[in-house]
N, C-alpha and C. Protein backbone atom coordinates (compact mmCIF):
# COMPACT_ATOMS: atom_id res chain seq x y z
N MET A 1 63.90 101.28 29.56
CA MET A 1 63.38 102.21 29.37
C MET A 1 64.56 103.05 28.42
N ASP A 2 63.89 103.57 27.40
CA ASP A 2 64.48 103.90 26.31
C ASP A 2 65.38 105.55 26.73
N PRO A 3 67.18 105.43 26.45
CA PRO A 3 68.20 106.63 27.35
C PRO A 3 67.39 107.49 26.33
N VAL A 4 67.02 108.01 25.74
CA VAL A 4 66.73 108.91 24.94
C VAL A 4 65.32 109.74 25.63
N ALA A 5 64.46 109.00 26.10
CA ALA A 5 63.54 109.54 26.29
C ALA A 5 63.62 109.82 28.21
N THR A 6 64.58 108.97 29.03
CA THR A 6 64.83 109.16 30.12
C THR A 6 65.66 110.74 30.30
N HIS A 7 66.82 110.84 29.30
CA HIS A 7 67.02 112.10 29.11
C HIS A 7 66.47 113.07 28.71
N ARG A 8 65.26 113.26 28.02
CA ARG A 8 64.35 113.74 27.80
C ARG A 8 63.47 114.28 29.36
N PHE A 9 63.30 113.23 29.82
CA PHE A 9 61.91 113.37 31.07
C PHE A 9 62.87 114.54 31.92
N LEU A 10 64.26 113.78 32.41
CA LEU A 10 64.97 114.51 33.15
C LEU A 10 65.10 116.18 32.79
N ALA A 11 65.73 115.99 31.57
CA ALA A 11 65.83 117.48 31.00
C ALA A 11 64.64 118.14 31.86
N ALA A 12 63.36 118.01 30.95
CA ALA A 12 62.19 118.32 31.67
C ALA A 12 61.71 118.82 32.88
N ARG A 13 62.28 117.71 33.83
CA ARG A 13 62.41 117.91 35.35
C ARG A 13 63.33 119.06 35.44
N VAL A 14 64.23 118.85 35.36
CA VAL A 14 65.25 119.78 35.81
C VAL A 14 64.40 121.61 35.25
N ILE A 15 63.70 121.77 34.04
CA ILE A 15 63.12 123.28 33.72
C ILE A 15 62.01 123.01 35.05
N ASP A 16 61.02 122.17 35.19
CA ASP A 16 59.80 122.31 35.65
C ASP A 16 60.51 122.76 37.19
N GLN A 17 61.42 121.92 37.69
CA GLN A 17 61.97 122.42 39.36
C GLN A 17 61.95 124.17 39.19
N ALA A 18 62.58 124.11 38.03
CA ALA A 18 62.70 125.58 38.14
C ALA A 18 61.70 126.57 37.93
N VAL A 19 60.64 125.93 37.50
CA VAL A 19 59.42 126.76 37.93
C VAL A 19 58.79 126.51 38.88
N ARG A 20 58.57 125.67 39.71
CA ARG A 20 58.45 125.16 40.85
C ARG A 20 59.13 126.13 42.22
N ASP A 21 60.32 126.59 41.76
CA ASP A 21 60.93 127.05 42.75
C ASP A 21 60.66 128.86 42.61
N VAL A 22 60.52 129.67 41.01
CA VAL A 22 59.80 130.51 41.14
C VAL A 22 58.74 131.00 41.98
N ARG A 23 58.03 129.49 41.49
CA ARG A 23 56.49 129.91 41.94
C ARG A 23 56.13 129.80 43.85
N ASN A 24 57.04 128.89 44.32
CA ASN A 24 57.09 128.58 45.70
C ASN A 24 57.59 130.00 46.42
N PRO A 25 56.20 130.39 46.97
CA PRO A 25 56.29 131.53 48.32
C PRO A 25 56.35 131.62 49.11
N LYS A 26 57.11 130.26 49.62
CA LYS A 26 57.35 129.86 51.12
C LYS A 26 58.93 129.32 50.42
N GLY A 27 59.41 129.39 49.60
CA GLY A 27 60.75 128.51 49.69
C GLY A 27 61.80 129.52 49.43
N ALA A 28 62.95 129.13 49.69
CA ALA A 28 64.19 129.82 49.70
C ALA A 28 64.59 131.25 48.61
N PRO A 29 64.51 132.22 49.32
CA PRO A 29 65.04 133.18 48.48
C PRO A 29 65.86 133.03 47.23
N MET A 30 66.91 132.49 47.85
CA MET A 30 68.60 131.82 46.91
C MET A 30 67.54 131.01 45.66
N ASP A 31 66.68 130.01 45.91
CA ASP A 31 66.28 129.39 45.21
C ASP A 31 65.19 130.03 44.07
N SER A 32 64.52 130.69 44.49
CA SER A 32 63.56 131.51 43.52
C SER A 32 64.69 132.31 42.90
N ALA A 33 65.54 133.21 43.27
CA ALA A 33 66.71 133.92 42.96
C ALA A 33 67.73 133.18 41.19
N SER A 34 67.94 131.92 41.98
CA SER A 34 68.75 130.92 40.93
C SER A 34 67.90 130.27 40.02
N ALA A 35 66.63 130.44 40.21
CA ALA A 35 65.54 129.94 39.15
C ALA A 35 65.43 130.96 38.02
N ARG A 36 65.60 132.04 38.93
CA ARG A 36 64.88 133.08 37.76
C ARG A 36 66.26 133.37 36.40
N ALA A 37 67.19 133.38 37.74
CA ALA A 37 68.15 133.35 36.30
C ALA A 37 68.50 132.22 35.27
N PHE A 38 68.28 131.20 35.41
CA PHE A 38 68.25 129.96 34.90
C PHE A 38 67.24 130.28 33.76
N LEU A 39 65.87 130.47 34.56
CA LEU A 39 64.75 130.31 33.51
C LEU A 39 64.53 132.11 32.46
N SER A 40 66.03 132.51 32.75
CA SER A 40 66.18 133.86 31.90
C SER A 40 66.53 134.08 30.89
N GLY A 41 67.48 132.59 31.00
CA GLY A 41 68.19 132.40 29.15
C GLY A 41 69.40 132.20 29.54
N SER A 42 69.65 131.48 30.76
CA SER A 42 71.17 131.00 31.19
C SER A 42 71.58 129.81 30.13
N PRO A 43 72.95 129.74 29.88
CA PRO A 43 73.22 128.76 29.24
C PRO A 43 72.99 127.47 29.43
N MET A 44 72.81 127.14 30.78
CA MET A 44 72.37 126.07 31.33
C MET A 44 70.65 125.47 30.84
N LEU A 45 69.96 126.62 30.96
CA LEU A 45 68.47 126.82 30.47
C LEU A 45 68.79 126.07 28.91
N SER A 46 69.23 126.44 27.68
CA SER A 46 69.95 126.06 26.43
C SER A 46 69.86 124.77 26.29
N TYR A 47 70.90 124.17 27.15
CA TYR A 47 71.71 122.98 27.20
C TYR A 47 70.77 121.90 27.61
N TRP A 48 69.79 122.46 28.87
CA TRP A 48 68.03 121.55 29.12
C TRP A 48 67.42 121.48 27.91
N CYS A 49 67.00 122.93 27.55
CA CYS A 49 65.80 122.65 26.24
C CYS A 49 66.18 122.02 25.43
N GLU A 50 67.46 121.82 25.17
CA GLU A 50 67.86 120.91 23.67
C GLU A 50 67.84 119.30 23.84
N ILE A 51 68.09 119.43 25.50
CA ILE A 51 68.13 117.50 25.58
C ILE A 51 66.69 117.12 25.31
N ALA A 52 65.67 118.13 26.04
CA ALA A 52 64.22 118.17 26.65
C ALA A 52 63.51 118.26 25.34
N GLU A 53 64.02 118.64 24.09
CA GLU A 53 63.74 118.86 22.85
C GLU A 53 62.74 119.92 23.05
N LEU A 54 62.93 121.12 23.66
CA LEU A 54 61.81 122.19 23.92
C LEU A 54 62.59 123.49 23.15
N ASP A 55 61.87 124.43 22.68
CA ASP A 55 61.94 125.53 21.93
C ASP A 55 62.95 126.59 22.98
N LEU A 56 63.97 127.19 23.11
CA LEU A 56 64.36 127.67 24.49
C LEU A 56 63.68 128.90 24.35
N ASN A 57 63.49 129.61 23.21
CA ASN A 57 62.76 130.84 23.13
C ASN A 57 61.26 131.21 23.75
N SER A 58 60.42 129.90 23.17
CA SER A 58 59.31 129.66 24.13
C SER A 58 59.69 129.45 25.45
N VAL A 59 60.26 128.76 25.91
CA VAL A 59 60.62 128.26 27.36
C VAL A 59 60.95 130.10 27.53
N ILE A 60 61.80 130.79 27.49
CA ILE A 60 62.23 131.91 27.80
C ILE A 60 60.97 133.18 28.17
N ASP A 61 60.15 132.79 27.14
CA ASP A 61 58.98 133.60 26.82
C ASP A 61 57.89 133.34 27.60
N ARG A 62 57.50 131.54 28.16
CA ARG A 62 57.09 131.57 29.30
C ARG A 62 57.07 132.02 30.51
N ALA A 63 58.23 131.84 31.04
CA ALA A 63 58.78 131.93 32.09
C ALA A 63 58.76 133.43 32.34
N ARG A 64 59.36 134.34 31.30
CA ARG A 64 59.19 135.74 31.64
C ARG A 64 57.30 135.71 31.98
N THR A 65 56.74 135.55 31.39
CA THR A 65 54.90 135.63 31.89
C THR A 65 54.63 135.04 32.99
N LEU A 66 55.52 133.84 33.38
CA LEU A 66 55.05 133.24 34.76
C LEU A 66 55.78 134.48 35.86
N MET A 67 57.40 134.64 35.77
CA MET A 67 57.26 135.59 36.77
C MET A 67 57.06 136.60 36.89
N ALA A 68 56.74 137.13 35.62
CA ALA A 68 55.53 138.60 35.90
C ALA A 68 54.10 138.54 36.75
N GLY A 69 54.02 137.50 36.41
CA GLY A 69 52.21 136.78 37.08
C GLY A 69 52.42 136.66 38.67
N CYS A 70 53.84 136.06 38.65
CA CYS A 70 53.97 135.54 40.04
C CYS A 70 54.62 136.72 40.78
N ASP A 71 55.31 137.71 40.22
CA ASP A 71 55.07 138.98 40.82
C ASP A 71 54.62 139.99 41.20
N ALA A 72 53.24 139.92 40.21
CA ALA A 72 51.85 140.67 40.11
C ALA A 72 51.45 140.65 41.37
N GLY A 73 51.17 138.62 41.33
CA GLY A 73 50.59 138.42 42.77
C GLY A 73 50.90 137.89 43.96
N ARG A 74 52.30 138.33 44.03
CA ARG A 74 53.00 138.96 44.84
C ARG A 74 52.54 140.28 45.61
N ARG A 75 52.04 140.81 44.38
CA ARG A 75 52.32 142.77 45.26
C ARG A 75 50.53 142.97 45.37
N SER A 76 49.62 141.96 44.51
CA SER A 76 48.28 142.18 44.59
C SER A 76 48.12 140.92 46.03
N ARG A 77 48.40 139.59 45.87
CA ARG A 77 48.18 138.43 47.15
C ARG A 77 46.81 138.00 45.90
N ALA A 78 46.59 138.36 44.26
CA ALA A 78 45.85 137.42 43.74
C ALA A 78 46.56 136.38 43.02
N GLY A 79 47.55 136.22 43.05
CA GLY A 79 47.42 134.85 41.95
C GLY A 79 48.59 134.98 41.05
N SER A 80 49.07 133.71 40.84
CA SER A 80 49.88 134.04 39.59
C SER A 80 49.27 133.02 38.25
N ALA A 81 50.00 133.30 37.48
CA ALA A 81 49.19 132.14 36.01
C ALA A 81 50.32 130.91 36.75
N GLU A 82 49.60 129.81 35.75
CA GLU A 82 50.07 128.32 35.80
C GLU A 82 50.47 127.83 34.95
N VAL A 83 51.91 127.18 34.97
CA VAL A 83 52.65 126.70 33.67
C VAL A 83 52.59 125.56 33.77
N GLN A 84 52.01 124.79 32.59
CA GLN A 84 52.33 123.35 32.54
C GLN A 84 53.15 123.39 30.79
N TRP A 85 54.55 122.23 31.37
CA TRP A 85 55.16 122.08 30.67
C TRP A 85 54.77 120.53 30.27
N ASP A 86 54.83 120.37 28.42
CA ASP A 86 54.99 119.54 27.60
C ASP A 86 56.37 118.99 26.70
N ALA A 87 56.04 118.12 25.83
CA ALA A 87 57.46 118.21 25.12
C ALA A 87 57.49 119.17 23.89
N ARG A 88 56.49 119.71 23.90
CA ARG A 88 56.52 120.84 22.80
C ARG A 88 56.93 122.18 23.19
N GLY A 89 56.86 122.01 25.14
CA GLY A 89 57.02 123.72 25.45
C GLY A 89 56.11 123.65 26.24
N ALA A 90 55.65 124.94 26.74
CA ALA A 90 55.27 125.49 28.03
C ALA A 90 54.14 126.43 27.50
N LYS A 91 52.93 125.96 27.92
CA LYS A 91 52.14 127.44 27.92
C LYS A 91 51.38 127.31 29.49
N VAL A 92 51.05 128.73 29.58
CA VAL A 92 50.82 129.21 30.47
C VAL A 92 49.19 129.08 31.01
N CYS A 93 48.46 128.51 31.72
CA CYS A 93 47.22 128.46 32.52
C CYS A 93 46.33 129.74 33.17
N HIS A 94 45.66 130.32 32.73
CA HIS A 94 45.24 131.90 33.73
C HIS A 94 44.16 130.93 34.74
N PRO A 95 44.48 131.01 35.97
CA PRO A 95 43.51 130.22 36.84
C PRO A 95 41.96 130.72 36.59
N HIS A 96 41.85 132.44 35.75
CA HIS A 96 40.54 132.43 35.98
C HIS A 96 39.67 132.31 34.07
N SER A 97 40.83 132.06 33.61
CA SER A 97 40.44 131.66 32.05
C SER A 97 39.27 130.46 31.82
N ALA A 98 38.50 130.28 31.10
CA ALA A 98 38.07 128.84 30.33
C ALA A 98 39.00 128.08 30.01
N PRO A 99 38.10 126.92 30.25
CA PRO A 99 39.13 125.75 29.96
C PRO A 99 38.95 125.43 28.54
N HIS A 100 40.30 125.04 27.66
CA HIS A 100 40.22 124.88 26.23
C HIS A 100 39.58 123.51 25.76
């Protein structure tokens, strides 16, 4: 496998794991807090975004939307937005919106 592609995949998985940690209502509070700090614009997020070839500002914007949705979902128990990551960045998919 191409080493550049392997590194890019690993970096995307690191970011994806942080998203999973934020979204996991049964996860450890420390994992969620750490993931939130990471996704809010930490230097490590910048590093992994560069390797994954993701736009840092787009990832931060999407993460803020995700975190706000998770917070609202926890308050209302209505659910939260789902984030899908790809090579261009992240996009938020709301569970009640029509597919594109």
